[in-house]
Protein backbone atom coordinates (compact mmCIF):
# COMPACT_ATOMS: atom_id res chain seq x y z
CA UNK A 1 60.36 8.88 43.50
CA UNK A 2 61.37 9.37 39.86
CA UNK A 3 59.04 11.05 37.35
CA UNK A 4 57.24 8.79 34.82
CA UNK A 5 59.01 8.20 31.56
CA UNK A 6 57.60 10.11 28.53
CA UNK A 7 56.14 6.94 26.98
CA UNK A 8 54.52 5.97 30.28
CA UNK A 9 53.20 9.49 30.72
CA UNK A 10 51.64 9.40 27.23
CA UNK A 11 49.96 6.04 27.96
CA UNK A 12 48.55 7.30 31.25
CA UNK A 13 47.19 10.40 29.55
CA UNK A 14 45.46 8.32 26.85
CA UNK A 15 44.04 6.00 29.53
CA UNK A 16 42.68 9.02 31.37
CA UNK A 17 41.04 10.27 28.18
CA UNK A 18 39.38 6.90 27.58
CA UNK A 19 38.09 6.84 31.16
CA UNK A 20 36.78 10.39 30.76
CA UNK A 21 34.86 9.49 27.60
CA UNK A 22 33.68 6.07 28.76
CA UNK A 23 30.36 7.32 30.23
CA UNK A 24 29.63 9.14 26.96
CA UNK A 25 30.41 6.05 24.88
CA UNK A 26 28.30 3.87 27.16
CA UNK A 27 25.39 6.31 26.90
CA UNK A 28 25.70 6.41 23.10
CA UNK A 29 25.70 2.62 22.84
CA UNK A 30 22.71 2.38 25.17
CA UNK A 31 20.82 4.95 23.07
CA UNK A 32 21.68 3.07 19.88
CA UNK A 33 20.48 -0.19 21.39
CA UNK A 34 17.21 1.42 22.49
CA UNK A 35 16.69 2.82 18.99
CA UNK A 36 17.27 -0.61 17.43
CA UNK A 37 14.85 -2.28 19.86
CA UNK A 38 12.13 0.31 19.20
CA UNK A 39 12.65 0.04 15.44
CA UNK A 40 12.39 -3.74 15.54
CA UNK A 41 9.23 -3.53 17.66
CA UNK A 42 7.61 -1.03 15.30
CA UNK A 43 8.49 -3.00 12.16
CA UNK A 44 7.40 -6.31 13.70
CA UNK A 45 4.16 -5.33 15.39
CA UNK A 46 3.03 -1.96 13.98
CA UNK A 47 4.55 -0.99 10.63
CA UNK A 48 5.82 -3.06 7.74
CA UNK A 49 7.02 -2.10 4.26
CA UNK A 50 5.10 -3.16 1.16
CA UNK A 51 5.81 -2.69 -2.57
CA UNK A 52 2.95 -2.11 -5.02
CA UNK A 53 3.53 -4.47 -8.00
CA UNK A 54 0.40 -3.94 -10.13
CA UNK A 55 -1.94 -1.28 -11.51
CA UNK A 56 -5.15 -2.35 -9.78
CA UNK A 57 -5.11 0.57 -7.28
CA UNK A 58 -4.21 3.38 -9.69
CA UNK A 59 -4.39 6.32 -9.29
CA UNK A 60 -4.28 6.05 -5.51
CA UNK A 61 -1.29 3.69 -5.52
CA UNK A 62 1.12 3.37 -8.43
CA UNK A 63 3.40 0.56 -9.53
CA UNK A 64 6.68 1.14 -7.69
CA UNK A 65 5.19 2.77 -4.57
CA UNK A 66 6.68 1.59 -1.27
CA UNK A 67 4.24 1.70 1.65
CA UNK A 68 4.35 1.51 5.39
CA UNK A 69 1.19 -0.05 6.74
CA UNK A 70 -0.33 -0.35 10.21
CA UNK A 71 -0.66 -3.98 11.31
CA UNK A 72 -2.34 -3.20 14.63
CA UNK A 73 -5.31 -1.04 13.67
CA UNK A 74 -7.54 -4.02 12.81
CA UNK A 75 -5.98 -6.53 15.24
CA UNK A 76 -8.19 -7.31 18.27
CA UNK A 77 -6.19 -6.88 21.45
CA UNK A 78 -6.50 -6.41 25.20
CA UNK A 79 -7.46 -3.08 26.77
CA UNK A 80 -3.86 -1.99 27.41
CA UNK A 81 -2.83 -2.67 23.82
CA UNK A 82 -5.87 -0.82 22.52
CA UNK A 83 -4.88 2.21 24.62
CA UNK A 84 -1.31 2.15 23.31
CA UNK A 85 -2.19 1.20 19.71
CA UNK A 86 -5.79 2.22 18.87
CA UNK A 87 -7.94 -0.49 17.30
CA UNK A 88 -11.06 0.01 15.20
CA UNK A 89 -13.42 -1.89 12.94
CA UNK A 90 -12.99 -2.13 9.18
CA UNK A 91 -15.01 0.65 7.51
CA UNK A 92 -16.36 1.23 4.03
CA UNK A 93 -13.78 3.21 2.05
CA UNK A 94 -10.76 1.75 3.88
CA UNK A 95 -7.84 0.47 1.83
CA UNK A 96 -6.87 -2.89 3.33
CA UNK A 97 -4.11 -5.47 3.02
CA UNK A 98 -5.36 -9.04 3.30
CA UNK A 99 -4.38 -12.66 2.81
CA UNK A 100 -5.46 -14.22 -0.47
CA UNK A 101 -4.57 -17.55 -2.12
CA UNK A 102 -3.27 -16.08 -5.40
CA UNK A 103 -1.23 -14.01 -4.79
CA UNK A 104 -0.82 -14.54 -1.04
CA UNK A 105 -1.32 -10.82 -0.21
CA UNK A 106 -3.57 -8.28 -1.91
CA UNK A 107 -4.45 -4.62 -1.39
CA UNK A 108 -7.92 -3.30 -2.31
CA UNK A 109 -10.55 -0.83 -1.11
CA UNK A 110 -13.54 -1.88 1.00
CA UNK A 111 -16.80 -1.04 -0.79
CA UNK A 112 -19.26 -3.27 1.05
CA UNK A 113 -19.39 -4.17 4.77
CA UNK A 114 -21.56 -6.82 6.45
CA UNK A 115 -25.25 -6.19 5.83
CA UNK A 116 -24.77 -3.92 2.80
CA UNK A 117 -26.86 -4.37 -0.35
CA UNK A 118 -24.58 -3.72 -3.30
CA UNK A 119 -24.66 -3.50 -7.08
CA UNK A 120 -22.44 -2.07 -9.85
CA UNK A 121 -23.88 -0.38 -12.93
CA UNK A 122 -21.26 0.82 -15.38
CA UNK A 123 -18.98 3.26 -13.55
CA UNK A 124 -21.27 3.66 -10.55
CA UNK A 125 -21.44 1.59 -7.35
CA UNK A 126 -24.71 1.59 -5.42
CA UNK A 127 -24.79 0.64 -1.74
CA UNK A 128 -28.10 0.26 0.06
CA UNK A 129 -29.86 1.99 -2.84
CA UNK A 130 -27.64 5.09 -2.88
CA UNK A 131 -24.85 5.97 -5.33
CA UNK A 132 -21.46 5.73 -3.63
CA UNK A 133 -19.28 8.84 -3.86
CA UNK A 134 -15.90 7.57 -5.08
CA UNK A 135 -13.51 10.38 -6.09
CA UNK A 136 -10.65 7.87 -5.99
CA UNK A 137 -12.07 5.53 -8.68
CA UNK A 138 -10.35 5.47 -12.08
CA UNK A 139 -11.74 4.02 -15.31
CA UNK A 140 -8.93 3.49 -17.79
CA UNK A 141 -9.94 2.26 -21.27
CA UNK A 142 -10.75 -1.45 -21.51
CA UNK A 143 -12.99 -3.68 -23.65
CA UNK A 144 -16.58 -4.01 -22.36
CA UNK A 145 -17.15 -6.81 -19.87
CA UNK A 146 -20.67 -7.39 -18.48
CA UNK A 147 -19.38 -9.45 -15.54
CA UNK A 148 -17.16 -6.55 -14.50
CA UNK A 149 -19.35 -3.57 -15.42
CA UNK A 150 -22.77 -4.85 -14.31
CA UNK A 151 -22.69 -6.72 -11.04
CA UNK A 152 -24.16 -9.01 -9.85
CA UNK A 153 -24.96 -10.55 -13.22
CA UNK A 154 -27.57 -13.15 -14.06
CA UNK A 155 -25.55 -14.94 -16.74
CA UNK A 156 -22.09 -16.44 -16.43
CA UNK A 157 -20.15 -14.52 -19.13
CA UNK A 158 -16.50 -14.41 -17.99
CA UNK A 159 -14.35 -17.54 -17.45
CA UNK A 160 -12.12 -15.53 -15.09
CA UNK A 161 -14.99 -15.40 -12.59
CA UNK A 162 -14.54 -18.21 -10.07
CA UNK A 163 -17.38 -20.77 -10.60
CA UNK A 164 -17.83 -21.40 -6.86
CA UNK A 165 -18.10 -17.66 -6.26
CA UNK A 166 -20.65 -17.41 -9.10
CA UNK A 167 -22.87 -19.96 -7.44
CA UNK A 168 -22.54 -18.27 -4.04
CA UNK A 169 -23.27 -14.89 -5.64
CA UNK A 170 -26.57 -16.15 -7.04
CA UNK A 171 -27.66 -17.42 -3.64
CA UNK A 172 -26.89 -14.03 -2.02
CA UNK A 173 -28.55 -11.83 -4.67
CA UNK A 174 -31.86 -10.20 -3.77
CA UNK A 175 -33.71 -7.98 -6.27
CA UNK A 176 -30.57 -7.40 -8.29
CA UNK A 177 -28.41 -6.55 -5.26
CA UNK A 178 -25.72 -8.60 -3.55
CA UNK A 179 -26.18 -8.89 0.22
CA UNK A 180 -22.85 -8.93 2.07
CA UNK A 181 -22.98 -11.62 4.80
CA UNK A 182 -21.76 -11.24 8.38
CA UNK A 183 -17.99 -11.34 8.80
CA UNK A 184 -17.34 -10.68 5.09
CA UNK A 185 -16.25 -7.65 3.07
CA UNK A 186 -16.64 -6.73 -0.60
CA UNK A 187 -13.55 -5.07 -2.09
CA UNK A 188 -12.70 -3.37 -5.39
CA UNK A 189 -9.54 -1.97 -6.91
CA UNK A 190 -9.55 1.77 -7.56
CA UNK A 191 -8.54 1.07 -11.18
CA UNK A 192 -11.93 -0.50 -11.84
CA UNK A 193 -11.41 -1.75 -15.39
CA UNK A 194 -8.08 -3.40 -14.57
CA UNK A 195 -8.62 -5.03 -11.19
CA UNK A 196 -9.38 -8.63 -10.29
CA UNK A 197 -11.34 -8.19 -7.08
CA UNK A 198 -14.51 -9.32 -5.32
CA UNK A 199 -16.40 -9.26 -8.60
CA UNK A 200 -14.23 -12.18 -9.73
CA UNK A 201 -13.48 -14.24 -6.61
CA UNK A 202 -15.78 -13.14 -3.80
CA UNK A 203 -15.63 -11.73 -0.30
CA UNK A 204 -12.71 -11.08 2.04
CA UNK A 205 -13.22 -12.78 5.44
CA UNK A 206 -12.63 -10.54 8.45
CA UNK A 207 -9.87 -12.81 9.74
CA UNK A 208 -7.94 -12.42 6.47
CA UNK A 209 -7.55 -8.64 6.89
CA UNK A 210 -4.15 -7.83 8.36
CA UNK A 211 -3.31 -4.15 7.86
CA UNK A 212 -4.10 -0.69 6.52
CA UNK A 213 -1.63 1.41 4.47
CA UNK A 214 -0.39 4.59 6.12
CA UNK A 215 2.11 6.44 3.97
CA UNK A 216 4.18 6.16 0.78
CA UNK A 217 7.78 6.36 2.00
CA UNK A 218 9.37 5.99 -1.45
CA UNK A 219 8.27 5.57 -5.05
CA UNK A 220 10.28 4.20 -7.95
CA UNK A 221 9.40 5.34 -11.45
CA UNK A 222 7.85 2.27 -13.05
CA UNK A 223 5.73 1.99 -16.22
CA UNK A 224 2.09 0.98 -15.99
CA UNK A 225 0.79 -1.48 -18.56
CA UNK A 226 -2.70 0.06 -18.37
CA UNK A 227 -1.69 3.62 -19.19
CA UNK A 228 -2.84 4.95 -22.52
CA UNK A 229 0.22 5.38 -24.74
CA UNK A 230 0.89 8.98 -25.66
CA UNK A 231 1.43 9.85 -29.31
CA UNK A 232 5.06 10.17 -30.20
CA UNK A 233 6.17 13.78 -30.08
CA UNK A 234 8.35 15.13 -32.91
CA UNK A 235 11.95 15.54 -31.86
CA UNK A 236 14.14 18.52 -32.65
CA UNK A 237 17.65 18.07 -33.96
CA UNK A 238 20.11 19.23 -31.29
CA UNK A 239 23.60 20.52 -32.00
CA UNK A 240 26.40 18.23 -30.92
CA UNK A 241 27.88 20.95 -28.71
CA UNK A 242 24.61 21.76 -26.93
CA UNK A 243 26.03 21.35 -23.45
CA UNK A 244 22.98 22.71 -21.65
CA UNK A 245 20.82 20.01 -23.20
CA UNK A 246 23.31 17.31 -22.28
CA UNK A 247 23.44 18.45 -18.66
CA UNK A 248 19.67 18.50 -18.56
CA UNK A 249 19.56 14.92 -19.83
CA UNK A 250 22.08 13.85 -17.19
CA UNK A 251 20.12 15.53 -14.40
CA UNK A 252 16.92 13.86 -15.61
CA UNK A 253 18.61 10.45 -15.57
CA UNK A 254 19.96 11.03 -12.08
CA UNK A 255 16.66 12.20 -10.58
CA UNK A 256 14.08 10.51 -12.79
CA UNK A 257 14.36 7.06 -11.23
CA UNK A 258 12.01 8.09 -8.40
CA UNK A 259 8.70 9.92 -8.03
CA UNK A 260 9.94 12.42 -5.47
CA UNK A 261 6.61 14.21 -5.03
CA UNK A 262 4.93 11.00 -3.84
CA UNK A 263 7.34 10.47 -0.94
CA UNK A 264 5.63 10.81 2.48
CA UNK A 265 2.20 11.04 0.86
CA UNK A 266 -0.51 9.80 3.21
CA UNK A 267 -2.63 6.99 1.77
CA UNK A 268 -6.40 7.39 1.94
């Protein structure tokens, strides 16, 4: 029997190499497929990205923050699902994502739960007669507004307050306090003077609550319309050949588009 020709020998050697690596390639593809399936499951049923578009939750959440939020924590489920993905009730102090007519999704903080007696006096929230400790609350400058600053009010003073909610509010007010009914939640933005929240349109039904934020996974540098403008600082004339300054400007432009220190910050 004659020896294989060089070309045939080269082909057989390459075929042998492919066969030798085939199990490794198959394992790699299987691992990749498993990763994709798990990622799709997590994004569909557990986590979902969300971009903060407004200033109503400053300073906890800033315009340009990207969040991952847990869609299962408030979702009633069977016993097996609860063991795999723990479920709990909505609690006072939770930041929640919920359905709302305008816009269709909002994010606020729960201040009142069913059965609470609640009132707002200036920069202080009182729940069941006690002042609520709120280290997260911010009060950026804004014109006085009795409907916002003293709640519940006795006189209709702000056209931005929903008239139907105003009438419901009066029927639920006892001795100057709003009583939160069963199955409803009272929410406020952390940026109290620049948030349209339950003071303006009412309660959040339990069935409208869909998720709780977990972590900021990225944050783009975006201006906030409610920030107090800083006084212009005097500039210093720089020499045209000041290379160090130019390099510093370039580095700032390359890195300044994101708030790097906020990445992977846990939301609470």
